[in-house]
C-alpha atoms as a PDB file:
ATOM      1  CA  UNK A   1      -5.275   8.471  26.511  1.00  0.00           C
ATOM      2  CA  UNK A   2      -3.982   7.071  23.214  1.00  0.00           C
ATOM      3  CA  UNK A   3      -4.796   8.147  19.656  1.00  0.00           C
ATOM      4  CA  UNK A   4      -4.622   5.473  16.976  1.00  0.00           C
ATOM      5  CA  UNK A   5      -3.191   6.814  13.731  1.00  0.00           C
ATOM      6  CA  UNK A   6      -3.260   3.553  11.810  1.00  0.00           C
ATOM      7  CA  UNK A   7      -2.279  -0.084  11.734  1.00  0.00           C
ATOM      8  CA  UNK A   8      -0.662  -2.839   9.723  1.00  0.00           C
ATOM      9  CA  UNK A   9      -2.189  -6.010  11.109  1.00  0.00           C
ATOM     10  CA  UNK A  10      -1.307  -6.236  14.810  1.00  0.00           C
ATOM     11  CA  UNK A  11       1.229  -3.381  14.526  1.00  0.00           C
ATOM     12  CA  UNK A  12      -0.551  -0.207  15.610  1.00  0.00           C
ATOM     13  CA  UNK A  13       0.742   3.308  14.918  1.00  0.00           C
ATOM     14  CA  UNK A  14      -0.357   5.601  17.746  1.00  0.00           C
ATOM     15  CA  UNK A  15       0.409   8.651  19.828  1.00  0.00           C
ATOM     16  CA  UNK A  16      -0.301   9.191  23.525  1.00  0.00           C
ATOM     17  CA  UNK A  17       1.007  11.175  26.493  1.00  0.00           C
ATOM     18  CA  UNK A  18       3.450   8.414  27.385  1.00  0.00           C
ATOM     19  CA  UNK A  19       4.264   6.711  24.114  1.00  0.00           C
ATOM     20  CA  UNK A  20       4.657   7.462  20.412  1.00  0.00           C
ATOM     21  CA  UNK A  21       4.879   4.982  17.537  1.00  0.00           C
ATOM     22  CA  UNK A  22       3.790   7.236  14.755  1.00  0.00           C
ATOM     23  CA  UNK A  23       4.277   8.098  11.105  1.00  0.00           C
ATOM     24  CA  UNK A  24       7.084  10.635  10.734  1.00  0.00           C
ATOM     25  CA  UNK A  25       6.448  12.415   7.468  1.00  0.00           C
ATOM     26  CA  UNK A  26       4.135  11.368   4.735  1.00  0.00           C
ATOM     27  CA  UNK A  27       2.919   8.207   3.168  1.00  0.00           C
ATOM     28  CA  UNK A  28       3.610   7.826  -0.538  1.00  0.00           C
ATOM     29  CA  UNK A  29       2.150   5.273  -2.868  1.00  0.00           C
ATOM     30  CA  UNK A  30       2.958   4.295  -6.398  1.00  0.00           C
ATOM     31  CA  UNK A  31       0.364   3.032  -8.873  1.00  0.00           C
ATOM     32  CA  UNK A  32       1.272   1.949 -12.382  1.00  0.00           C
ATOM     33  CA  UNK A  33      -0.579   0.394 -15.275  1.00  0.00           C
ATOM     34  CA  UNK A  34       0.740  -2.917 -16.554  1.00  0.00           C
ATOM     35  CA  UNK A  35       1.630  -2.315 -20.191  1.00  0.00           C
ATOM     36  CA  UNK A  36       3.134  -4.791 -22.637  1.00  0.00           C
ATOM     37  CA  UNK A  37       4.709  -3.645 -25.852  1.00  0.00           C
ATOM     38  CA  UNK A  38       4.795  -5.736 -29.012  1.00  0.00           C
ATOM     39  CA  UNK A  39       7.497  -4.754 -31.498  1.00  0.00           C
ATOM     40  CA  UNK A  40       7.133  -6.158 -35.026  1.00  0.00           C
ATOM     41  CA  UNK A  41      10.168  -6.429 -37.270  1.00  0.00           C
ATOM     42  CA  UNK A  42       8.615  -3.929 -39.703  1.00  0.00           C
ATOM     43  CA  UNK A  43       6.090  -1.221 -38.965  1.00  0.00           C
ATOM     44  CA  UNK A  44       4.888   0.402 -35.818  1.00  0.00           C
ATOM     45  CA  UNK A  45       4.607  -1.389 -32.498  1.00  0.00           C
ATOM     46  CA  UNK A  46       1.491  -1.958 -30.436  1.00  0.00           C
ATOM     47  CA  UNK A  47       0.888  -1.588 -26.740  1.00  0.00           C
ATOM     48  CA  UNK A  48      -1.633  -3.401 -24.623  1.00  0.00           C
ATOM     49  CA  UNK A  49      -2.965  -2.484 -21.204  1.00  0.00           C
ATOM     50  CA  UNK A  50      -3.092  -5.591 -18.993  1.00  0.00           C
ATOM     51  CA  UNK A  51      -4.416  -4.312 -15.688  1.00  0.00           C
ATOM     52  CA  UNK A  52      -2.084  -2.790 -13.164  1.00  0.00           C
ATOM     53  CA  UNK A  53       1.100  -3.447 -11.254  1.00  0.00           C
ATOM     54  CA  UNK A  54       1.062  -4.099  -7.521  1.00  0.00           C
ATOM     55  CA  UNK A  55       0.805  -0.908  -5.458  1.00  0.00           C
ATOM     56  CA  UNK A  56       3.908   0.106  -3.498  1.00  0.00           C
ATOM     57  CA  UNK A  57       3.678   2.228  -0.351  1.00  0.00           C
ATOM     58  CA  UNK A  58       6.498   3.975   1.501  1.00  0.00           C
ATOM     59  CA  UNK A  59       6.312   5.534   4.921  1.00  0.00           C
ATOM     60  CA  UNK A  60       8.705   6.824   7.555  1.00  0.00           C
ATOM     61  CA  UNK A  61       8.581   6.231  11.290  1.00  0.00           C
ATOM     62  CA  UNK A  62      10.644   7.965  13.946  1.00  0.00           C
ATOM     63  CA  UNK A  63      11.142   6.258  17.291  1.00  0.00           C
ATOM     64  CA  UNK A  64      12.493   8.504  20.052  1.00  0.00           C
ATOM     65  CA  UNK A  65      13.421   6.815  23.329  1.00  0.00           C
ATOM     66  CA  UNK A  66      12.143   9.769  25.396  1.00  0.00           C
ATOM     67  CA  UNK A  67       8.701   9.380  23.810  1.00  0.00           C
ATOM     68  CA  UNK A  68       8.575   5.680  22.971  1.00  0.00           C
ATOM     69  CA  UNK A  69       8.982   2.882  25.456  1.00  0.00           C
ATOM     70  CA  UNK A  70      11.381   0.257  24.113  1.00  0.00           C
ATOM     71  CA  UNK A  71      11.967   1.589  20.564  1.00  0.00           C
ATOM     72  CA  UNK A  72      13.988  -1.513  19.694  1.00  0.00           C
ATOM     73  CA  UNK A  73      10.914  -3.652  20.534  1.00  0.00           C
ATOM     74  CA  UNK A  74       8.877  -1.759  17.906  1.00  0.00           C
ATOM     75  CA  UNK A  75      11.692  -2.151  15.406  1.00  0.00           C
ATOM     76  CA  UNK A  76      11.814  -5.899  16.082  1.00  0.00           C
ATOM     77  CA  UNK A  77       8.039  -6.176  15.557  1.00  0.00           C
ATOM     78  CA  UNK A  78       8.441  -4.659  12.084  1.00  0.00           C
ATOM     79  CA  UNK A  79      11.440  -6.870  11.266  1.00  0.00           C
ATOM     80  CA  UNK A  80       9.525  -9.980  12.339  1.00  0.00           C
ATOM     81  CA  UNK A  81       6.560  -8.924  10.220  1.00  0.00           C
ATOM     82  CA  UNK A  82       8.878  -8.679   7.204  1.00  0.00           C
ATOM     83  CA  UNK A  83      10.951 -11.801   7.859  1.00  0.00           C
ATOM     84  CA  UNK A  84       7.916 -14.007   8.471  1.00  0.00           C
ATOM     85  CA  UNK A  85       6.240 -12.800   5.265  1.00  0.00           C
ATOM     86  CA  UNK A  86       3.169 -11.588   7.132  1.00  0.00           C
ATOM     87  CA  UNK A  87       0.634  -9.550   5.213  1.00  0.00           C
ATOM     88  CA  UNK A  88      -2.207  -7.419   6.524  1.00  0.00           C
ATOM     89  CA  UNK A  89      -4.409  -4.486   5.573  1.00  0.00           C
ATOM     90  CA  UNK A  90      -2.775  -1.066   5.922  1.00  0.00           C
ATOM     91  CA  UNK A  91      -5.105   1.359   7.672  1.00  0.00           C
ATOM     92  CA  UNK A  92      -4.339   5.046   8.161  1.00  0.00           C
ATOM     93  CA  UNK A  93      -6.912   7.011  10.123  1.00  0.00           C
ATOM     94  CA  UNK A  94     -10.226   5.552   9.032  1.00  0.00           C
ATOM     95  CA  UNK A  95      -9.019   4.706   5.514  1.00  0.00           C
ATOM     96  CA  UNK A  96      -7.970   1.297   4.267  1.00  0.00           C
ATOM     97  CA  UNK A  97      -5.118   1.864   1.838  1.00  0.00           C
ATOM     98  CA  UNK A  98      -5.590  -0.157  -1.339  1.00  0.00           C
ATOM     99  CA  UNK A  99      -7.865  -3.075  -2.087  1.00  0.00           C
ATOM    100  CA  UNK A 100      -5.547  -5.817  -0.831  1.00  0.00           C
ATOM    101  CA  UNK A 101      -3.255  -6.367   2.163  1.00  0.00           C
ATOM    102  CA  UNK A 102       0.419  -5.362   2.205  1.00  0.00           C
ATOM    103  CA  UNK A 103       3.641  -7.018   3.205  1.00  0.00           C
ATOM    104  CA  UNK A 104       6.853  -5.272   4.207  1.00  0.00           C
ATOM    105  CA  UNK A 105       9.508  -5.616   1.511  1.00  0.00           C
ATOM    106  CA  UNK A 106      12.142  -3.347   3.004  1.00  0.00           C
ATOM    107  CA  UNK A 107      13.168  -1.552   6.176  1.00  0.00           C
ATOM    108  CA  UNK A 108      15.919   1.035   6.167  1.00  0.00           C
ATOM    109  CA  UNK A 109      16.993   2.107   9.625  1.00  0.00           C
ATOM    110  CA  UNK A 110      19.150   4.954  10.844  1.00  0.00           C
ATOM    111  CA  UNK A 111      20.197   4.663  14.471  1.00  0.00           C
ATOM    112  CA  UNK A 112      21.679   7.610  16.339  1.00  0.00           C
ATOM    113  CA  UNK A 113      22.691   8.758  19.843  1.00  0.00           C
ATOM    114  CA  UNK A 114      23.658   5.523  21.570  1.00  0.00           C
ATOM    115  CA  UNK A 115      22.574   5.644  25.222  1.00  0.00           C
ATOM    116  CA  UNK A 116      25.098   3.871  27.466  1.00  0.00           C
ATOM    117  CA  UNK A 117      22.626   3.690  30.370  1.00  0.00           C
ATOM    118  CA  UNK A 118      19.860   1.878  28.464  1.00  0.00           C
ATOM    119  CA  UNK A 119      22.109   0.126  25.965  1.00  0.00           C
ATOM    120  CA  UNK A 120      19.869   1.332  23.123  1.00  0.00           C
ATOM    121  CA  UNK A 121      19.872   4.116  20.576  1.00  0.00           C
ATOM    122  CA  UNK A 122      17.783   7.145  21.516  1.00  0.00           C
ATOM    123  CA  UNK A 123      16.662   7.829  17.927  1.00  0.00           C
ATOM    124  CA  UNK A 124      15.606   5.233  15.381  1.00  0.00           C
ATOM    125  CA  UNK A 125      14.455   6.491  11.978  1.00  0.00           C
ATOM    126  CA  UNK A 126      12.793   3.903   9.767  1.00  0.00           C
ATOM    127  CA  UNK A 127      11.892   4.047   6.088  1.00  0.00           C
ATOM    128  CA  UNK A 128       9.515   1.192   5.370  1.00  0.00           C
ATOM    129  CA  UNK A 129       8.499  -0.093   1.949  1.00  0.00           C
ATOM    130  CA  UNK A 130       5.337  -2.143   1.569  1.00  0.00           C
ATOM    131  CA  UNK A 131       4.073  -4.020  -1.459  1.00  0.00           C
ATOM    132  CA  UNK A 132       0.484  -4.966  -2.118  1.00  0.00           C
ATOM    133  CA  UNK A 133      -0.078  -8.686  -1.654  1.00  0.00           C
ATOM    134  CA  UNK A 134      -2.730 -10.302  -3.823  1.00  0.00           C
ATOM    135  CA  UNK A 135      -3.111 -13.685  -2.187  1.00  0.00           C
ATOM    136  CA  UNK A 136      -5.934 -14.709  -4.534  1.00  0.00           C
ATOM    137  CA  UNK A 137      -5.572 -13.543  -8.183  1.00  0.00           C
ATOM    138  CA  UNK A 138      -9.129 -14.756  -8.907  1.00  0.00           C
ATOM    139  CA  UNK A 139     -10.416 -12.313  -6.284  1.00  0.00           C
ATOM    140  CA  UNK A 140      -8.626  -9.502  -8.137  1.00  0.00           C
ATOM    141  CA  UNK A 141     -10.167 -10.620 -11.433  1.00  0.00           C
ATOM    142  CA  UNK A 142     -13.634 -10.720  -9.848  1.00  0.00           C
ATOM    143  CA  UNK A 143     -13.155  -7.151  -8.574  1.00  0.00           C
ATOM    144  CA  UNK A 144     -12.222  -5.970 -12.081  1.00  0.00           C
ATOM    145  CA  UNK A 145     -15.245  -7.753 -13.592  1.00  0.00           C
ATOM    146  CA  UNK A 146     -17.470  -6.221 -10.908  1.00  0.00           C
ATOM    147  CA  UNK A 147     -16.137  -2.706 -11.654  1.00  0.00           C
ATOM    148  CA  UNK A 148     -16.804  -3.240 -15.362  1.00  0.00           C
ATOM    149  CA  UNK A 149     -20.347  -4.494 -14.714  1.00  0.00           C
ATOM    150  CA  UNK A 150     -21.101  -1.526 -12.426  1.00  0.00           C
ATOM    151  CA  UNK A 151     -19.926   0.886 -15.145  1.00  0.00           C
ATOM    152  CA  UNK A 152     -22.162  -0.913 -17.644  1.00  0.00           C
ATOM    153  CA  UNK A 153     -25.097  -0.881 -15.214  1.00  0.00           C
ATOM    154  CA  UNK A 154     -24.641   2.827 -14.454  1.00  0.00           C
ATOM    155  CA  UNK A 155     -24.862   3.588 -18.152  1.00  0.00           C
ATOM    156  CA  UNK A 156     -21.288   4.514 -19.008  1.00  0.00           C
ATOM    157  CA  UNK A 157     -20.905   1.773 -21.623  1.00  0.00           C
ATOM    158  CA  UNK A 158     -24.667   1.462 -22.048  1.00  0.00           C
ATOM    159  CA  UNK A 159     -24.865   4.886 -23.783  1.00  0.00           C
ATOM    160  CA  UNK A 160     -22.293   3.821 -26.388  1.00  0.00           C
ATOM    161  CA  UNK A 161     -24.232   0.612 -27.073  1.00  0.00           C
ATOM    162  CA  UNK A 162     -27.516   2.518 -27.458  1.00  0.00           C
ATOM    163  CA  UNK A 163     -25.930   4.969 -29.912  1.00  0.00           C
ATOM    164  CA  UNK A 164     -24.553   2.090 -32.014  1.00  0.00           C
ATOM    165  CA  UNK A 165     -27.971   0.380 -32.072  1.00  0.00           C
ATOM    166  CA  UNK A 166     -29.708   3.640 -33.003  1.00  0.00           C
ATOM    167  CA  UNK A 167     -27.366   4.094 -35.959  1.00  0.00           C
ATOM    168  CA  UNK A 168     -28.143   0.570 -37.196  1.00  0.00           C
ATOM    169  CA  UNK A 169     -31.914   0.857 -36.681  1.00  0.00           C
ATOM    170  CA  UNK A 170     -32.377   4.392 -38.034  1.00  0.00           C
ATOM    171  CA  UNK A 171     -30.163   4.084 -41.158  1.00  0.00           C
END
């Protein structure tokens, strides 16, 4: 019996009685606003919020030859994913991470305990960095416009508009 922990496209993270290709520690993600700063020659500067930067995700994977069949095969799958510029949704448990797919931007590997019999390392520790991939910027813009319209529809901005109108009408 196998338990799926998550996936990145056709690469599945899982744990079973015979095999483990699982997340080692934690998953970290970085979200930042996109800010531009305008500096005049005299006076105080201005900043402007222009959406957000692409989300970056880091995760660690430990491949142990006693628990994972062909650890180098799993490593090669990840390398191919990165080298071919593949992108796919990142799913952990039942949660899709982010709004857009991710591509692998970096793989750091630490290999230890070379096994002369198998010709492979018994332990492969991987630190993988993923970057959100927005393949259609218009789709991103539509999502932002949709979020703004939902806020307006739910009354968040509507209340401010009503208060402004009331002030004008009841002066």
